[in-house]
Protein backbone atom coordinates (compact mmCIF):
# COMPACT_ATOMS: atom_id res chain seq x y z
CA MET A 1 3.46 11.56 -36.15
CA PHE A 2 0.02 13.28 -37.39
CA PRO A 3 -3.41 12.81 -35.96
CA ASP A 4 -4.93 9.36 -38.24
CA GLY A 5 -2.27 8.05 -35.96
CA THR A 6 0.01 7.61 -38.66
CA THR A 7 3.79 7.68 -37.88
CA GLU A 8 6.81 8.83 -40.64
CA VAL A 9 10.08 8.90 -40.93
CA MET A 10 11.00 11.87 -42.69
CA PRO A 11 13.06 15.21 -43.39
CA THR A 12 12.07 17.90 -41.09
CA ALA A 13 11.21 20.17 -44.47
CA ALA A 14 9.39 17.34 -45.16
CA ALA A 15 7.17 17.12 -42.49
CA LEU A 16 6.77 20.82 -42.24
CA ARG A 17 5.20 21.13 -45.51
CA LYS A 18 2.56 18.08 -44.83
CA ALA A 19 1.49 19.63 -41.45
CA GLN A 20 0.85 23.13 -43.05
CA ASP A 21 -1.39 21.04 -45.68
CA LEU A 22 -3.78 19.81 -42.60
CA GLY A 23 -3.61 23.13 -41.27
CA LEU A 24 -1.35 22.11 -38.36
CA ASP A 25 1.58 22.82 -36.12
CA LEU A 26 4.68 21.14 -36.26
CA VAL A 27 5.73 20.53 -32.40
CA LEU A 28 8.82 18.70 -31.26
CA ILE A 29 7.89 16.36 -28.48
CA ALA A 30 11.07 14.47 -27.67
CA PRO A 31 13.77 15.85 -29.32
CA THR A 32 16.35 13.16 -27.58
CA ALA A 33 15.18 10.57 -29.18
CA VAL A 34 16.76 9.25 -32.32
CA PRO A 35 15.35 10.27 -34.81
CA PRO A 36 14.06 12.98 -33.19
CA VAL A 37 10.00 13.16 -32.93
CA ALA A 38 7.73 16.05 -33.56
CA LYS A 39 3.75 15.76 -33.44
CA ALA A 40 1.45 17.39 -35.62
CA VAL A 41 -0.86 19.31 -34.01
CA ASP A 42 -3.14 22.56 -33.01
CA PHE A 43 -0.31 24.68 -30.77
CA GLY A 44 -3.28 26.48 -29.56
CA HIS A 45 -4.68 23.35 -28.11
CA TYR A 46 -1.87 21.33 -27.31
CA GLN A 47 -0.77 24.34 -24.57
CA TYR A 48 -3.95 24.19 -23.59
CA ASP A 49 -4.37 20.82 -22.81
CA LEU A 50 -0.10 20.75 -22.29
CA LYS A 51 -1.10 23.73 -19.02
CA LYS A 52 -4.42 21.76 -17.95
CA LYS A 53 -2.50 18.92 -17.20
CA GLN A 54 0.38 21.18 -14.65
CA HIS A 55 -2.40 22.17 -13.40
CA ASP A 56 -3.97 19.31 -12.35
CA ALA A 57 -0.23 17.66 -10.93
CA ARG A 58 0.01 21.00 -8.99
CA LYS A 59 -3.46 20.01 -7.30
CA LYS A 60 -2.91 16.93 -6.48
CA GLN A 61 0.63 18.29 -4.71
CA HIS A 62 0.74 18.37 -0.66
CA VAL A 63 1.27 21.82 0.25
CA MET A 64 3.03 21.32 3.44
CA HIS A 65 1.89 24.10 6.37
CA LEU A 66 3.23 25.28 9.43
CA LYS A 67 1.12 24.52 12.56
CA GLU A 68 2.06 26.39 16.37
CA VAL A 69 1.57 24.14 19.46
CA LYS A 70 2.28 25.89 22.40
CA LEU A 71 3.15 24.33 25.63
CA ARG A 72 3.74 26.23 29.17
CA PRO A 73 6.09 25.16 31.56
CA LYS A 74 4.10 23.80 34.27
CA VAL A 75 1.19 21.84 32.15
CA ALA A 76 -1.55 19.02 33.36
CA ASP A 77 -0.84 15.68 31.78
CA HIS A 78 -4.25 16.06 30.69
CA ASP A 79 -3.26 19.41 28.30
CA TYR A 80 -0.40 18.12 27.20
CA ASP A 81 -1.59 14.92 25.87
CA PHE A 82 -3.97 16.86 23.89
CA LYS A 83 -1.35 19.25 22.81
CA VAL A 84 0.69 16.65 21.84
CA GLN A 85 -2.61 14.77 19.99
CA HIS A 86 -3.56 17.79 18.00
CA ALA A 87 0.19 17.92 16.66
CA ARG A 88 0.12 14.16 15.59
CA GLU A 89 -2.93 15.15 13.37
CA PHE A 90 -1.06 17.41 12.18
CA LEU A 91 2.03 15.36 11.29
CA GLU A 92 -0.62 12.42 10.08
CA LYS A 93 -1.61 14.87 7.15
CA ARG A 94 2.17 15.92 6.17
CA ASP A 95 2.40 19.23 7.95
CA LYS A 96 5.29 20.79 9.86
CA VAL A 97 4.47 21.25 13.94
CA LYS A 98 6.13 24.04 15.49
CA PHE A 99 6.63 23.80 19.29
CA THR A 100 6.31 26.91 21.61
CA VAL A 101 6.89 26.87 25.60
CA THR A 102 6.27 30.23 26.53
CA PHE A 103 8.22 31.41 30.13
CA ARG A 104 6.53 34.05 32.32
CA GLY A 105 8.73 36.00 35.43
CA ARG A 106 9.90 33.23 37.80
CA GLU A 107 10.06 30.60 35.25
CA MET A 108 13.06 31.98 32.84
CA ALA A 109 15.18 30.99 36.14
CA HIS A 110 13.74 27.06 34.85
CA GLN A 111 14.45 26.81 31.50
CA ASP A 112 15.58 23.20 32.43
CA LEU A 113 11.84 21.71 32.49
CA GLY A 114 11.43 23.01 29.09
CA GLN A 115 13.85 21.80 27.13
CA ALA A 116 12.92 18.71 29.28
CA MET A 117 8.96 18.32 28.04
CA LEU A 118 10.72 18.84 24.64
CA ARG A 119 12.38 16.04 24.92
CA GLN A 120 9.57 14.36 25.60
CA VAL A 121 7.73 15.34 23.02
CA ILE A 122 10.36 14.31 20.44
CA ALA A 123 9.79 10.61 22.36
CA ASP A 124 6.35 11.12 21.67
CA LEU A 125 5.98 11.51 18.67
CA ALA A 126 9.17 10.07 17.22
CA ASP A 127 7.03 6.94 15.56
CA ILE A 128 6.27 9.59 13.25
CA ALA A 129 7.70 12.77 13.36
CA ALA A 130 11.60 14.01 13.59
CA PRO A 131 12.44 17.48 15.18
CA GLU A 132 14.00 19.92 12.37
CA SER A 133 16.85 21.37 14.61
CA ILE A 134 17.65 21.38 18.86
CA PRO A 135 15.15 23.44 20.21
CA ARG A 136 17.06 26.91 20.61
CA SER A 137 15.41 29.80 22.78
CA GLU A 138 14.24 32.90 21.31
CA GLY A 139 13.47 35.36 24.17
CA ARG A 140 10.99 33.90 26.55
CA THR A 141 10.56 31.27 24.23
CA LEU A 142 11.96 28.23 23.43
CA ILE A 143 11.37 26.93 19.95
CA MET A 144 11.12 23.39 17.91
CA ILE A 145 9.95 22.46 14.75
CA MET A 146 8.74 19.21 14.18
CA LEU A 147 8.99 17.27 10.52
CA PRO A 148 6.90 14.20 9.52
CA LYS A 149 9.07 11.47 8.44
CA PRO A 150 8.97 10.40 4.83
CA ALA A 151 6.19 7.16 3.76
CA LYS A 152 8.79 4.10 3.10
CA PRO A 153 7.47 3.39 -0.05
CA GLY A 154 6.24 -0.40 -0.33
CA THR A 155 4.43 -0.42 2.78
CA PRO A 156 0.96 -1.71 3.42
CA ALA A 157 -2.02 0.19 4.41
CA ALA A 158 -2.81 -0.28 8.07
CA LYS A 159 -6.19 -2.38 8.47
CA ALA A 160 -8.94 -0.67 9.89
CA ASP A 161 -8.95 -2.20 13.70
CA GLY A 162 -11.83 -4.22 14.40
CA ALA A 163 -12.02 -5.01 10.21
CA ALA A 164 -14.88 -8.03 9.95
CA THR A 165 -12.71 -11.50 8.49
CA PRO A 166 -14.77 -12.21 6.29
CA ALA A 167 -16.56 -15.74 6.59
CA LYS A 168 -15.36 -18.80 5.15
CA THR A 169 -18.51 -20.17 3.35
CA ALA A 170 -19.06 -24.07 4.97
CA ALA A 171 -20.05 -26.07 2.13
CA PRO A 172 -22.89 -27.97 1.94
CA ASP A 173 -22.99 -31.37 3.97
CA LYS A 174 -23.21 -34.31 1.12
CA PRO A 175 -26.34 -36.15 1.53
CA LYS A 176 -25.30 -39.69 3.70
CA ALA A 177 -26.50 -42.83 1.42
CA SER A 178 -29.05 -44.62 3.82
CA LYS A 179 -27.43 -47.99 4.31
CA THR A 180 -30.03 -50.78 4.60
CA PRO A 181 -29.18 -53.02 7.04
CA LYS A 182 -27.88 -56.96 5.99
CA PRO A 183 -29.95 -59.14 7.42
CA ALA A 184 -28.00 -61.72 10.22
CA ALA A 185 -27.00 -64.79 9.29
CA ALA A 186 -28.39 -67.54 11.04
CA THR A 187 -26.39 -69.30 13.05
CA ALA A 188 -26.89 -72.73 12.48
CA GLU A 189 -27.42 -74.32 15.79
CA PRO A 190 -25.77 -77.71 15.64
CA THR A 191 -28.92 -80.41 15.96
CA LYS A 192 -28.82 -82.62 18.71
CA ALA A 193 -29.19 -86.67 17.33
CA ALA A 194 -32.84 -87.77 19.21
CA PRO A 195 -31.23 -90.87 21.45
CA GLN A 196 -30.94 -94.46 19.96
CA PRO A 197 -32.71 -96.85 22.19
CA ALA A 198 -29.67 -99.65 22.55
CA GLU A 199 -30.01 -102.77 20.69
CA LYS A 200 -30.41 -105.62 22.35
CA PRO A 201 -28.01 -108.84 22.57
CA ALA A 202 -28.57 -111.50 20.28
CA GLY A 203 -28.80 -113.73 22.65
CA ASP A 204 -31.38 -112.30 24.75
CA ARG A 205 -34.07 -112.11 21.63
CA ALA A 206 -37.27 -114.79 22.76
């Protein structure tokens, strides 16, 4: 493949000689193809473009960070909900979340409270995350790490609540043709015959 877009099938030596005549290098870009594909390019410029593409690809990749949410065995419902909501925001950004429950003094005798709290965390975040492993104890602290669940391919993006549905444009009313009222048909009343005087018998005439 040459800079002018032409492609030729030729021996390697001939392709190398033609590239050198153009002041270019012959770079093998598809060694497993049959026949192998090479391109005549400026090798320095080719390397620069390749590194730029790799850099852009790394920028688009998400680096997963580990966030920490600290809990206490005896925590108010409001504080618990606030911390779980923060954890949900981290998980939505595809970060891992480390939950720690720290015990102080006599609270060590009630580690079951911490275990129950972490089980509740798993249940509250089950729609978006899963535990990396079962909660483990390290000294006075219970530790559990939650991982975001992989996104399902082909899942449509959820529509924002309250999104306005475009109203359908009503078709303009067609002008109705004015109908000229037809004249009512005159009803012919039966003509009453005028009463005729009765004829007198012929014998009565004078």
